[in-house]
Amino acid sequence: PNPHGELFVLVEVLEVTGLRGSRVPLGSGEVSLAALAEAEFTRVAVRCTRGLRCSALLRLCREPPLAKTIFFVRHGESVWNRAQARLDVVSLAADTDHPLNAKGQRQAE
């Protein structure tokens, strides 16, 4: 609780790397329990490092869900992403399974 007595939920975004599962903090955000109780879903802005834009969508459940581990997988930049940013319709329509470009391959390593 903060000095005013209101309870908050802290959302932390971590990158899990390596065989031992090292956890690297990527960012965090918070939302009050009161705000969670007012809406079915609440979007939480997450202040991220490395220039990433992140948000989390939270839902307050009346019954505890089964324990679960969630993995978020991000791929690198693809030919599609690059063509979309440049409005390159020819490249967008050229294929249905767009491979990673050189930048995307470096990002995925």
PDB file of N, CA and C in Angstrom:
ATOM      1  N   PRO A   1       0.827  -1.211   0.000  1.00  0.00           N
ATOM      2  CA  PRO A   1       0.000   0.000   0.000  1.00  0.00           C
ATOM      3  C   PRO A   1       0.863   1.265   0.000  1.00  0.00           C
ATOM      4  N   ASN A   2       0.359   2.305  -0.629  1.00  0.00           N
ATOM      5  CA  ASN A   2       1.075   3.582  -0.628  1.00  0.00           C
ATOM      6  C   ASN A   2       0.682   4.355   0.622  1.00  0.00           C
ATOM      7  N   PRO A   3       1.260   5.518   0.881  1.00  0.00           N
ATOM      8  CA  PRO A   3       0.968   6.265   2.105  1.00  0.00           C
ATOM      9  C   PRO A   3      -0.510   6.627   2.269  1.00  0.00           C
ATOM     10  N   HIS A   4      -1.259   6.657   1.176  1.00  0.00           N
ATOM     11  CA  HIS A   4      -2.669   7.020   1.244  1.00  0.00           C
ATOM     12  C   HIS A   4      -3.573   5.809   1.452  1.00  0.00           C
ATOM     13  N   GLY A   5      -3.015   4.627   1.480  1.00  0.00           N
ATOM     14  CA  GLY A   5      -3.786   3.430   1.772  1.00  0.00           C
ATOM     15  C   GLY A   5      -4.380   2.713   0.570  1.00  0.00           C
ATOM     16  N   GLU A   6      -4.249   3.251  -0.644  1.00  0.00           N
ATOM     17  CA  GLU A   6      -4.815   2.598  -1.810  1.00  0.00           C
ATOM     18  C   GLU A   6      -3.890   1.464  -2.264  1.00  0.00           C
ATOM     19  N   LEU A   7      -4.466   0.351  -2.691  1.00  0.00           N
ATOM     20  CA  LEU A   7      -3.687  -0.793  -3.149  1.00  0.00           C
ATOM     21  C   LEU A   7      -3.499  -0.733  -4.659  1.00  0.00           C
ATOM     22  N   PHE A   8      -2.313  -1.136  -5.107  1.00  0.00           N
ATOM     23  CA  PHE A   8      -1.978  -1.132  -6.526  1.00  0.00           C
ATOM     24  C   PHE A   8      -1.491  -2.510  -6.947  1.00  0.00           C
ATOM     25  N   VAL A   9      -1.673  -2.818  -8.222  1.00  0.00           N
ATOM     26  CA  VAL A   9      -1.095  -4.016  -8.825  1.00  0.00           C
ATOM     27  C   VAL A   9       0.098  -3.549  -9.636  1.00  0.00           C
ATOM     28  N   LEU A  10       1.240  -4.157  -9.388  1.00  0.00           N
ATOM     29  CA  LEU A  10       2.457  -3.842 -10.123  1.00  0.00           C
ATOM     30  C   LEU A  10       2.598  -4.862 -11.251  1.00  0.00           C
ATOM     31  N   VAL A  11       2.774  -4.375 -12.476  1.00  0.00           N
ATOM     32  CA  VAL A  11       2.977  -5.235 -13.635  1.00  0.00           C
ATOM     33  C   VAL A  11       4.435  -5.102 -14.044  1.00  0.00           C
ATOM     34  N   GLU A  12       5.153  -6.223 -14.052  1.00  0.00           N
ATOM     35  CA  GLU A  12       6.557  -6.208 -14.460  1.00  0.00           C
ATOM     36  C   GLU A  12       6.707  -7.059 -15.716  1.00  0.00           C
ATOM     37  N   VAL A  13       7.425  -6.532 -16.698  1.00  0.00           N
ATOM     38  CA  VAL A  13       7.700  -7.256 -17.933  1.00  0.00           C
ATOM     39  C   VAL A  13       9.153  -7.685 -17.883  1.00  0.00           C
ATOM     40  N   LEU A  14       9.377  -8.990 -18.006  1.00  0.00           N
ATOM     41  CA  LEU A  14      10.722  -9.550 -17.919  1.00  0.00           C
ATOM     42  C   LEU A  14      11.046 -10.318 -19.189  1.00  0.00           C
ATOM     43  N   GLU A  15      12.305 -10.270 -19.587  1.00  0.00           N
ATOM     44  CA  GLU A  15      12.791 -11.104 -20.682  1.00  0.00           C
ATOM     45  C   GLU A  15      13.527 -12.270 -20.035  1.00  0.00           C
ATOM     46  N   VAL A  16      13.127 -13.484 -20.375  1.00  0.00           N
ATOM     47  CA  VAL A  16      13.777 -14.671 -19.832  1.00  0.00           C
ATOM     48  C   VAL A  16      14.744 -15.182 -20.895  1.00  0.00           C
ATOM     49  N   THR A  17      16.020 -15.264 -20.532  1.00  0.00           N
ATOM     50  CA  THR A  17      17.044 -15.643 -21.502  1.00  0.00           C
ATOM     51  C   THR A  17      17.895 -16.791 -20.984  1.00  0.00           C
ATOM     52  N   GLY A  18      18.508 -17.487 -21.899  1.00  0.00           N
ATOM     53  CA  GLY A  18      19.466 -18.526 -21.548  1.00  0.00           C
ATOM     54  C   GLY A  18      18.829 -19.784 -20.999  1.00  0.00           C
ATOM     55  N   LEU A  19      19.639 -20.805 -20.848  1.00  0.00           N
ATOM     56  CA  LEU A  19      19.160 -22.094 -20.359  1.00  0.00           C
ATOM     57  C   LEU A  19      18.724 -22.041 -18.904  1.00  0.00           C
ATOM     58  N   ARG A  20      19.324 -21.144 -18.135  1.00  0.00           N
ATOM     59  CA  ARG A  20      18.983 -21.047 -16.715  1.00  0.00           C
ATOM     60  C   ARG A  20      17.817 -20.100 -16.464  1.00  0.00           C
ATOM     61  N   GLY A  21      17.308 -19.495 -17.502  1.00  0.00           N
ATOM     62  CA  GLY A  21      16.156 -18.616 -17.352  1.00  0.00           C
ATOM     63  C   GLY A  21      16.466 -17.311 -16.652  1.00  0.00           C
ATOM     64  N   SER A  22      17.601 -16.703 -16.991  1.00  0.00           N
ATOM     65  CA  SER A  22      17.929 -15.400 -16.406  1.00  0.00           C
ATOM     66  C   SER A  22      16.826 -14.407 -16.749  1.00  0.00           C
ATOM     67  N   ARG A  23      16.422 -13.618 -15.786  1.00  0.00           N
ATOM     68  CA  ARG A  23      15.343 -12.656 -15.991  1.00  0.00           C
ATOM     69  C   ARG A  23      15.905 -11.242 -16.063  1.00  0.00           C
ATOM     70  N   VAL A  24      15.635 -10.580 -17.184  1.00  0.00           N
ATOM     71  CA  VAL A  24      16.094  -9.211 -17.403  1.00  0.00           C
ATOM     72  C   VAL A  24      14.865  -8.314 -17.401  1.00  0.00           C
ATOM     73  N   PRO A  25      14.785  -7.328 -16.490  1.00  0.00           N
ATOM     74  CA  PRO A  25      13.617  -6.444 -16.472  1.00  0.00           C
ATOM     75  C   PRO A  25      13.560  -5.591 -17.736  1.00  0.00           C
ATOM     76  N   LEU A  26      12.371  -5.547 -18.354  1.00  0.00           N
ATOM     77  CA  LEU A  26      12.154  -4.722 -19.541  1.00  0.00           C
ATOM     78  C   LEU A  26      11.300  -3.495 -19.245  1.00  0.00           C
ATOM     79  N   GLY A  27      10.546  -3.539 -18.150  1.00  0.00           N
ATOM     80  CA  GLY A  27       9.712  -2.389 -17.812  1.00  0.00           C
ATOM     81  C   GLY A  27       8.688  -2.740 -16.749  1.00  0.00           C
ATOM     82  N   SER A  28       7.942  -1.719 -16.328  1.00  0.00           N
ATOM     83  CA  SER A  28       6.912  -1.940 -15.310  1.00  0.00           C
ATOM     84  C   SER A  28       5.836  -0.879 -15.433  1.00  0.00           C
ATOM     85  N   GLY A  29       4.715  -1.163 -14.823  1.00  0.00           N
ATOM     86  CA  GLY A  29       3.593  -0.236 -14.772  1.00  0.00           C
ATOM     87  C   GLY A  29       2.738  -0.607 -13.581  1.00  0.00           C
ATOM     88  N   GLU A  30       1.793   0.237 -13.252  1.00  0.00           N
ATOM     89  CA  GLU A  30       0.927  -0.086 -12.122  1.00  0.00           C
ATOM     90  C   GLU A  30      -0.481   0.427 -12.383  1.00  0.00           C
ATOM     91  N   VAL A  31      -1.420  -0.198 -11.689  1.00  0.00           N
ATOM     92  CA  VAL A  31      -2.825   0.200 -11.768  1.00  0.00           C
ATOM     93  C   VAL A  31      -3.435  -0.034 -10.397  1.00  0.00           C
ATOM     94  N   SER A  32      -4.354   0.835 -10.003  1.00  0.00           N
ATOM     95  CA  SER A  32      -4.973   0.667  -8.687  1.00  0.00           C
ATOM     96  C   SER A  32      -5.992  -0.465  -8.737  1.00  0.00           C
ATOM     97  N   LEU A  33      -6.166  -1.125  -7.610  1.00  0.00           N
ATOM     98  CA  LEU A  33      -7.183  -2.174  -7.529  1.00  0.00           C
ATOM     99  C   LEU A  33      -8.566  -1.595  -7.771  1.00  0.00           C
ATOM    100  N   ALA A  34      -8.788  -0.357  -7.348  1.00  0.00           N
ATOM    101  CA  ALA A  34     -10.075   0.286  -7.574  1.00  0.00           C
ATOM    102  C   ALA A  34     -10.358   0.417  -9.072  1.00  0.00           C
ATOM    103  N   ALA A  35      -9.349   0.794  -9.856  1.00  0.00           N
ATOM    104  CA  ALA A  35      -9.532   0.905 -11.307  1.00  0.00           C
ATOM    105  C   ALA A  35      -9.811  -0.455 -11.927  1.00  0.00           C
ATOM    106  N   LEU A  36      -9.153  -1.499 -11.435  1.00  0.00           N
ATOM    107  CA  LEU A  36      -9.412  -2.848 -11.941  1.00  0.00           C
ATOM    108  C   LEU A  36     -10.840  -3.286 -11.647  1.00  0.00           C
ATOM    109  N   ALA A  37     -11.342  -2.918 -10.478  1.00  0.00           N
ATOM    110  CA  ALA A  37     -12.685  -3.331 -10.072  1.00  0.00           C
ATOM    111  C   ALA A  37     -13.777  -2.615 -10.863  1.00  0.00           C
ATOM    112  N   GLU A  38     -13.460  -1.458 -11.436  1.00  0.00           N
ATOM    113  CA  GLU A  38     -14.472  -0.668 -12.139  1.00  0.00           C
ATOM    114  C   GLU A  38     -14.750  -1.142 -13.553  1.00  0.00           C
ATOM    115  N   ALA A  39     -13.817  -1.817 -14.184  1.00  0.00           N
ATOM    116  CA  ALA A  39     -13.976  -2.202 -15.582  1.00  0.00           C
ATOM    117  C   ALA A  39     -13.718  -3.692 -15.744  1.00  0.00           C
ATOM    118  N   GLU A  40     -14.295  -4.268 -16.791  1.00  0.00           N
ATOM    119  CA  GLU A  40     -14.061  -5.686 -17.050  1.00  0.00           C
ATOM    120  C   GLU A  40     -12.601  -5.920 -17.431  1.00  0.00           C
ATOM    121  N   PHE A  41     -12.053  -5.017 -18.263  1.00  0.00           N
ATOM    122  CA  PHE A  41     -10.656  -5.085 -18.663  1.00  0.00           C
ATOM    123  C   PHE A  41     -10.021  -3.720 -18.437  1.00  0.00           C
ATOM    124  N   THR A  42      -8.752  -3.709 -18.026  1.00  0.00           N
ATOM    125  CA  THR A  42      -8.026  -2.461 -17.809  1.00  0.00           C
ATOM    126  C   THR A  42      -6.687  -2.546 -18.524  1.00  0.00           C
ATOM    127  N   ARG A  43      -6.406  -1.560 -19.373  1.00  0.00           N
ATOM    128  CA  ARG A  43      -5.119  -1.506 -20.067  1.00  0.00           C
ATOM    129  C   ARG A  43      -4.131  -0.735 -19.193  1.00  0.00           C
ATOM    130  N   VAL A  44      -2.954  -1.313 -18.981  1.00  0.00           N
ATOM    131  CA  VAL A  44      -1.917  -0.710 -18.153  1.00  0.00           C
ATOM    132  C   VAL A  44      -0.741  -0.333 -19.046  1.00  0.00           C
ATOM    133  N   ALA A  45      -0.377   0.933 -19.043  1.00  0.00           N
ATOM    134  CA  ALA A  45       0.806   1.369 -19.780  1.00  0.00           C
ATOM    135  C   ALA A  45       2.041   0.890 -19.030  1.00  0.00           C
ATOM    136  N   VAL A  46       2.957   0.295 -19.740  1.00  0.00           N
ATOM    137  CA  VAL A  46       4.187  -0.227 -19.146  1.00  0.00           C
ATOM    138  C   VAL A  46       5.350   0.633 -19.645  1.00  0.00           C
ATOM    139  N   ARG A  47       6.085   1.212 -18.710  1.00  0.00           N
ATOM    140  CA  ARG A  47       7.275   1.998 -19.054  1.00  0.00           C
ATOM    141  C   ARG A  47       8.401   1.012 -19.359  1.00  0.00           C
ATOM    142  N   CYS A  48       8.762   0.909 -20.623  1.00  0.00           N
ATOM    143  CA  CYS A  48       9.738  -0.093 -21.043  1.00  0.00           C
ATOM    144  C   CYS A  48      11.089   0.525 -21.356  1.00  0.00           C
ATOM    145  N   THR A  49      12.101  -0.290 -21.187  1.00  0.00           N
ATOM    146  CA  THR A  49      13.452   0.100 -21.562  1.00  0.00           C
ATOM    147  C   THR A  49      13.658  -0.212 -23.037  1.00  0.00           C
ATOM    148  N   ARG A  50      14.790   0.126 -23.557  1.00  0.00           N
ATOM    149  CA  ARG A  50      15.196  -0.188 -24.928  1.00  0.00           C
ATOM    150  C   ARG A  50      14.262   0.408 -25.984  1.00  0.00           C
ATOM    151  N   GLY A  51      13.500   1.434 -25.631  1.00  0.00           N
ATOM    152  CA  GLY A  51      12.639   2.087 -26.605  1.00  0.00           C
ATOM    153  C   GLY A  51      11.429   1.270 -27.012  1.00  0.00           C
ATOM    154  N   LEU A  52      11.100   0.220 -26.270  1.00  0.00           N
ATOM    155  CA  LEU A  52       9.940  -0.609 -26.586  1.00  0.00           C
ATOM    156  C   LEU A  52       8.660   0.083 -26.148  1.00  0.00           C
ATOM    157  N   ARG A  53       7.576  -0.157 -26.864  1.00  0.00           N
ATOM    158  CA  ARG A  53       6.260   0.312 -26.434  1.00  0.00           C
ATOM    159  C   ARG A  53       5.483  -0.906 -25.973  1.00  0.00           C
ATOM    160  N   CYS A  54       5.069  -0.890 -24.720  1.00  0.00           N
ATOM    161  CA  CYS A  54       4.397  -2.048 -24.140  1.00  0.00           C
ATOM    162  C   CYS A  54       3.131  -1.621 -23.420  1.00  0.00           C
ATOM    163  N   SER A  55       2.191  -2.538 -23.350  1.00  0.00           N
ATOM    164  CA  SER A  55       1.030  -2.353 -22.485  1.00  0.00           C
ATOM    165  C   SER A  55       0.563  -3.739 -22.079  1.00  0.00           C
ATOM    166  N   ALA A  56      -0.202  -3.792 -21.018  1.00  0.00           N
ATOM    167  CA  ALA A  56      -0.747  -5.056 -20.536  1.00  0.00           C
ATOM    168  C   ALA A  56      -2.251  -4.871 -20.370  1.00  0.00           C
ATOM    169  N   LEU A  57      -3.002  -5.902 -20.697  1.00  0.00           N
ATOM    170  CA  LEU A  57      -4.442  -5.878 -20.522  1.00  0.00           C
ATOM    171  C   LEU A  57      -4.757  -6.792 -19.345  1.00  0.00           C
ATOM    172  N   LEU A  58      -5.331  -6.223 -18.292  1.00  0.00           N
ATOM    173  CA  LEU A  58      -5.607  -6.983 -17.076  1.00  0.00           C
ATOM    174  C   LEU A  58      -7.103  -7.138 -16.863  1.00  0.00           C
ATOM    175  N   ARG A  59      -7.474  -8.241 -16.228  1.00  0.00           N
ATOM    176  CA  ARG A  59      -8.862  -8.493 -15.879  1.00  0.00           C
ATOM    177  C   ARG A  59      -8.916  -8.954 -14.427  1.00  0.00           C
ATOM    178  N   LEU A  60      -9.783  -8.358 -13.652  1.00  0.00           N
ATOM    179  CA  LEU A  60      -9.964  -8.770 -12.266  1.00  0.00           C
ATOM    180  C   LEU A  60     -10.925  -9.958 -12.246  1.00  0.00           C
ATOM    181  N   CYS A  61     -10.466 -11.095 -11.727  1.00  0.00           N
ATOM    182  CA  CYS A  61     -11.269 -12.322 -11.698  1.00  0.00           C
ATOM    183  C   CYS A  61     -11.850 -12.521 -10.306  1.00  0.00           C
ATOM    184  N   ARG A  62     -13.079 -12.928 -10.253  1.00  0.00           N
ATOM    185  CA  ARG A  62     -13.734 -13.180  -8.965  1.00  0.00           C
ATOM    186  C   ARG A  62     -13.302 -14.511  -8.361  1.00  0.00           C
ATOM    187  N   GLU A  63     -12.889 -15.449  -9.200  1.00  0.00           N
ATOM    188  CA  GLU A  63     -12.387 -16.732  -8.719  1.00  0.00           C
ATOM    189  C   GLU A  63     -10.961 -16.892  -9.223  1.00  0.00           C
ATOM    190  N   PRO A  64     -10.090 -17.458  -8.412  1.00  0.00           N
ATOM    191  CA  PRO A  64      -8.695 -17.589  -8.857  1.00  0.00           C
ATOM    192  C   PRO A  64      -8.588 -18.551 -10.040  1.00  0.00           C
ATOM    193  N   PRO A  65      -7.885 -18.140 -11.101  1.00  0.00           N
ATOM    194  CA  PRO A  65      -7.671 -19.055 -12.235  1.00  0.00           C
ATOM    195  C   PRO A  65      -6.627 -20.096 -11.867  1.00  0.00           C
ATOM    196  N   LEU A  66      -6.553 -21.145 -12.651  1.00  0.00           N
ATOM    197  CA  LEU A  66      -5.503 -22.137 -12.453  1.00  0.00           C
ATOM    198  C   LEU A  66      -4.165 -21.470 -12.716  1.00  0.00           C
ATOM    199  N   ALA A  67      -3.155 -21.882 -11.994  1.00  0.00           N
ATOM    200  CA  ALA A  67      -1.815 -21.303 -12.180  1.00  0.00           C
ATOM    201  C   ALA A  67      -1.317 -21.618 -13.587  1.00  0.00           C
ATOM    202  N   LYS A  68      -0.823 -20.607 -14.265  1.00  0.00           N
ATOM    203  CA  LYS A  68      -0.330 -20.783 -15.627  1.00  0.00           C
ATOM    204  C   LYS A  68       0.916 -19.950 -15.832  1.00  0.00           C
ATOM    205  N   THR A  69       1.772 -20.416 -16.711  1.00  0.00           N
ATOM    206  CA  THR A  69       2.932 -19.649 -17.126  1.00  0.00           C
ATOM    207  C   THR A  69       2.668 -19.176 -18.544  1.00  0.00           C
ATOM    208  N   ILE A  70       2.913 -17.913 -18.787  1.00  0.00           N
ATOM    209  CA  ILE A  70       2.664 -17.342 -20.105  1.00  0.00           C
ATOM    210  C   ILE A  70       4.001 -16.948 -20.707  1.00  0.00           C
ATOM    211  N   PHE A  71       4.230 -17.364 -21.929  1.00  0.00           N
ATOM    212  CA  PHE A  71       5.431 -16.985 -22.659  1.00  0.00           C
ATOM    213  C   PHE A  71       5.020 -16.102 -23.827  1.00  0.00           C
ATOM    214  N   PHE A  72       5.657 -14.956 -23.959  1.00  0.00           N
ATOM    215  CA  PHE A  72       5.443 -14.068 -25.089  1.00  0.00           C
ATOM    216  C   PHE A  72       6.647 -14.213 -26.003  1.00  0.00           C
ATOM    217  N   VAL A  73       6.387 -14.482 -27.249  1.00  0.00           N
ATOM    218  CA  VAL A  73       7.458 -14.673 -28.215  1.00  0.00           C
ATOM    219  C   VAL A  73       7.385 -13.537 -29.226  1.00  0.00           C
ATOM    220  N   ARG A  74       8.504 -12.900 -29.473  1.00  0.00           N
ATOM    221  CA  ARG A  74       8.562 -11.815 -30.441  1.00  0.00           C
ATOM    222  C   ARG A  74       9.540 -12.209 -31.530  1.00  0.00           C
ATOM    223  N   HIS A  75       9.089 -12.052 -32.761  1.00  0.00           N
ATOM    224  CA  HIS A  75      10.005 -12.333 -33.865  1.00  0.00           C
ATOM    225  C   HIS A  75      10.625 -11.026 -34.341  1.00  0.00           C
ATOM    226  N   GLY A  76      11.642 -11.140 -35.148  1.00  0.00           N
ATOM    227  CA  GLY A  76      12.314  -9.956 -35.672  1.00  0.00           C
ATOM    228  C   GLY A  76      11.558  -9.357 -36.848  1.00  0.00           C
ATOM    229  N   GLU A  77      12.112  -8.282 -37.376  1.00  0.00           N
ATOM    230  CA  GLU A  77      11.480  -7.579 -38.493  1.00  0.00           C
ATOM    231  C   GLU A  77      11.463  -8.472 -39.734  1.00  0.00           C
ATOM    232  N   SER A  78      10.336  -8.507 -40.399  1.00  0.00           N
ATOM    233  CA  SER A  78      10.209  -9.322 -41.605  1.00  0.00           C
ATOM    234  C   SER A  78      10.119  -8.429 -42.835  1.00  0.00           C
ATOM    235  N   VAL A  79      10.181  -9.066 -43.988  1.00  0.00           N
ATOM    236  CA  VAL A  79      10.014  -8.348 -45.246  1.00  0.00           C
ATOM    237  C   VAL A  79       8.656  -7.639 -45.232  1.00  0.00           C
ATOM    238  N   TRP A  80       7.634  -8.296 -44.678  1.00  0.00           N
ATOM    239  CA  TRP A  80       6.284  -7.713 -44.589  1.00  0.00           C
ATOM    240  C   TRP A  80       6.302  -6.420 -43.769  1.00  0.00           C
ATOM    241  N   ASN A  81       6.924  -6.441 -42.580  1.00  0.00           N
ATOM    242  CA  ASN A  81       6.970  -5.244 -41.723  1.00  0.00           C
ATOM    243  C   ASN A  81       7.608  -4.070 -42.456  1.00  0.00           C
ATOM    244  N   ARG A  82       8.716  -4.340 -43.118  1.00  0.00           N
ATOM    245  CA  ARG A  82       9.449  -3.287 -43.825  1.00  0.00           C
ATOM    246  C   ARG A  82       8.610  -2.747 -44.995  1.00  0.00           C
ATOM    247  N   ALA A  83       7.990  -3.647 -45.758  1.00  0.00           N
ATOM    248  CA  ALA A  83       7.165  -3.231 -46.897  1.00  0.00           C
ATOM    249  C   ALA A  83       5.941  -2.458 -46.429  1.00  0.00           C
ATOM    250  N   GLN A  84       5.371  -2.876 -45.324  1.00  0.00           N
ATOM    251  CA  GLN A  84       4.195  -2.180 -44.782  1.00  0.00           C
ATOM    252  C   GLN A  84       4.564  -0.766 -44.361  1.00  0.00           C
ATOM    253  N   ALA A  85       5.713  -0.599 -43.736  1.00  0.00           N
ATOM    254  CA  ALA A  85       6.143   0.731 -43.299  1.00  0.00           C
ATOM    255  C   ALA A  85       6.397   1.656 -44.496  1.00  0.00           C
ATOM    256  N   ARG A  86       6.811   1.078 -45.609  1.00  0.00           N
ATOM    257  CA  ARG A  86       7.105   1.879 -46.810  1.00  0.00           C
ATOM    258  C   ARG A  86       5.921   1.945 -47.786  1.00  0.00           C
ATOM    259  N   LEU A  87       4.801   1.307 -47.418  1.00  0.00           N
ATOM    260  CA  LEU A  87       3.627   1.218 -48.297  1.00  0.00           C
ATOM    261  C   LEU A  87       3.996   0.607 -49.645  1.00  0.00           C
ATOM    262  N   ASP A  88       4.846  -0.416 -49.605  1.00  0.00           N
ATOM    263  CA  ASP A  88       5.323  -1.115 -50.796  1.00  0.00           C
ATOM    264  C   ASP A  88       4.370  -2.279 -51.092  1.00  0.00           C
ATOM    265  N   VAL A  89       3.324  -1.997 -51.858  1.00  0.00           N
ATOM    266  CA  VAL A  89       2.272  -2.978 -52.129  1.00  0.00           C
ATOM    267  C   VAL A  89       2.813  -4.187 -52.890  1.00  0.00           C
ATOM    268  N   VAL A  90       3.754  -3.988 -53.788  1.00  0.00           N
ATOM    269  CA  VAL A  90       4.315  -5.098 -54.562  1.00  0.00           C
ATOM    270  C   VAL A  90       4.970  -6.123 -53.638  1.00  0.00           C
ATOM    271  N   SER A  91       5.788  -5.661 -52.689  1.00  0.00           N
ATOM    272  CA  SER A  91       6.434  -6.583 -51.748  1.00  0.00           C
ATOM    273  C   SER A  91       5.426  -7.234 -50.813  1.00  0.00           C
ATOM    274  N   LEU A  92       4.382  -6.498 -50.428  1.00  0.00           N
ATOM    275  CA  LEU A  92       3.354  -7.066 -49.550  1.00  0.00           C
ATOM    276  C   LEU A  92       2.633  -8.225 -50.231  1.00  0.00           C
ATOM    277  N   ALA A  93       2.352  -8.074 -51.529  1.00  0.00           N
ATOM    278  CA  ALA A  93       1.591  -9.083 -52.255  1.00  0.00           C
ATOM    279  C   ALA A  93       2.468 -10.172 -52.856  1.00  0.00           C
ATOM    280  N   ALA A  94       3.784 -10.038 -52.781  1.00  0.00           N
ATOM    281  CA  ALA A  94       4.695 -10.965 -53.445  1.00  0.00           C
ATOM    282  C   ALA A  94       4.735 -12.345 -52.797  1.00  0.00           C
ATOM    283  N   ASP A  95       4.357 -12.456 -51.554  1.00  0.00           N
ATOM    284  CA  ASP A  95       4.497 -13.724 -50.844  1.00  0.00           C
ATOM    285  C   ASP A  95       3.446 -13.804 -49.750  1.00  0.00           C
ATOM    286  N   THR A  96       3.174 -15.015 -49.268  1.00  0.00           N
ATOM    287  CA  THR A  96       2.246 -15.170 -48.142  1.00  0.00           C
ATOM    288  C   THR A  96       2.979 -15.507 -46.850  1.00  0.00           C
ATOM    289  N   ASP A  97       4.194 -16.003 -46.956  1.00  0.00           N
ATOM    290  CA  ASP A  97       4.993 -16.326 -45.778  1.00  0.00           C
ATOM    291  C   ASP A  97       6.279 -15.519 -45.867  1.00  0.00           C
ATOM    292  N   HIS A  98       6.234 -14.303 -45.368  1.00  0.00           N
ATOM    293  CA  HIS A  98       7.348 -13.372 -45.511  1.00  0.00           C
ATOM    294  C   HIS A  98       8.466 -13.727 -44.541  1.00  0.00           C
ATOM    295  N   PRO A  99       9.684 -13.920 -45.042  1.00  0.00           N
ATOM    296  CA  PRO A  99      10.816 -14.270 -44.172  1.00  0.00           C
ATOM    297  C   PRO A  99      11.331 -13.051 -43.413  1.00  0.00           C
ATOM    298  N   LEU A 100      12.165 -13.311 -42.422  1.00  0.00           N
ATOM    299  CA  LEU A 100      12.848 -12.227 -41.730  1.00  0.00           C
ATOM    300  C   LEU A 100      13.829 -11.571 -42.694  1.00  0.00           C
ATOM    301  N   ASN A 101      13.934 -10.247 -42.599  1.00  0.00           N
ATOM    302  CA  ASN A 101      14.961  -9.576 -43.389  1.00  0.00           C
ATOM    303  C   ASN A 101      16.269  -9.604 -42.576  1.00  0.00           C
ATOM    304  N   ALA A 102      17.325  -8.970 -43.084  1.00  0.00           N
ATOM    305  CA  ALA A 102      18.635  -9.015 -42.395  1.00  0.00           C
ATOM    306  C   ALA A 102      18.539  -8.431 -40.986  1.00  0.00           C
ATOM    307  N   LYS A 103      17.817  -7.316 -40.839  1.00  0.00           N
ATOM    308  CA  LYS A 103      17.650  -6.719 -39.504  1.00  0.00           C
ATOM    309  C   LYS A 103      16.895  -7.680 -38.590  1.00  0.00           C
ATOM    310  N   GLY A 104      15.862  -8.323 -39.113  1.00  0.00           N
ATOM    311  CA  GLY A 104      15.078  -9.273 -38.321  1.00  0.00           C
ATOM    312  C   GLY A 104      15.875 -10.480 -37.885  1.00  0.00           C
ATOM    313  N   GLN A 105      16.791 -10.947 -38.739  1.00  0.00           N
ATOM    314  CA  GLN A 105      17.644 -12.063 -38.355  1.00  0.00           C
ATOM    315  C   GLN A 105      18.568 -11.661 -37.212  1.00  0.00           C
ATOM    316  N   ARG A 106      19.100 -10.440 -37.251  1.00  0.00           N
ATOM    317  CA  ARG A 106      19.943  -9.965 -36.138  1.00  0.00           C
ATOM    318  C   ARG A 106      19.120  -9.836 -34.865  1.00  0.00           C
ATOM    319  N   GLN A 107      17.878  -9.347 -34.970  1.00  0.00           N
ATOM    320  CA  GLN A 107      17.020  -9.183 -33.790  1.00  0.00           C
ATOM    321  C   GLN A 107      16.675 -10.521 -33.157  1.00  0.00           C
ATOM    322  N   ALA A 108      16.520 -11.548 -33.986  1.00  0.00           N
ATOM    323  CA  ALA A 108      16.105 -12.861 -33.487  1.00  0.00           C
ATOM    324  C   ALA A 108      17.251 -13.636 -32.847  1.00  0.00           C
ATOM    325  N   GLU A 109      18.482 -13.219 -33.083  1.00  0.00           N
ATOM    326  CA  GLU A 109      19.626 -13.940 -32.516  1.00  0.00           C
ATOM    327  C   GLU A 109      19.760 -13.736 -31.035  1.00  0.00           C
TER     328      GLU A 109
END
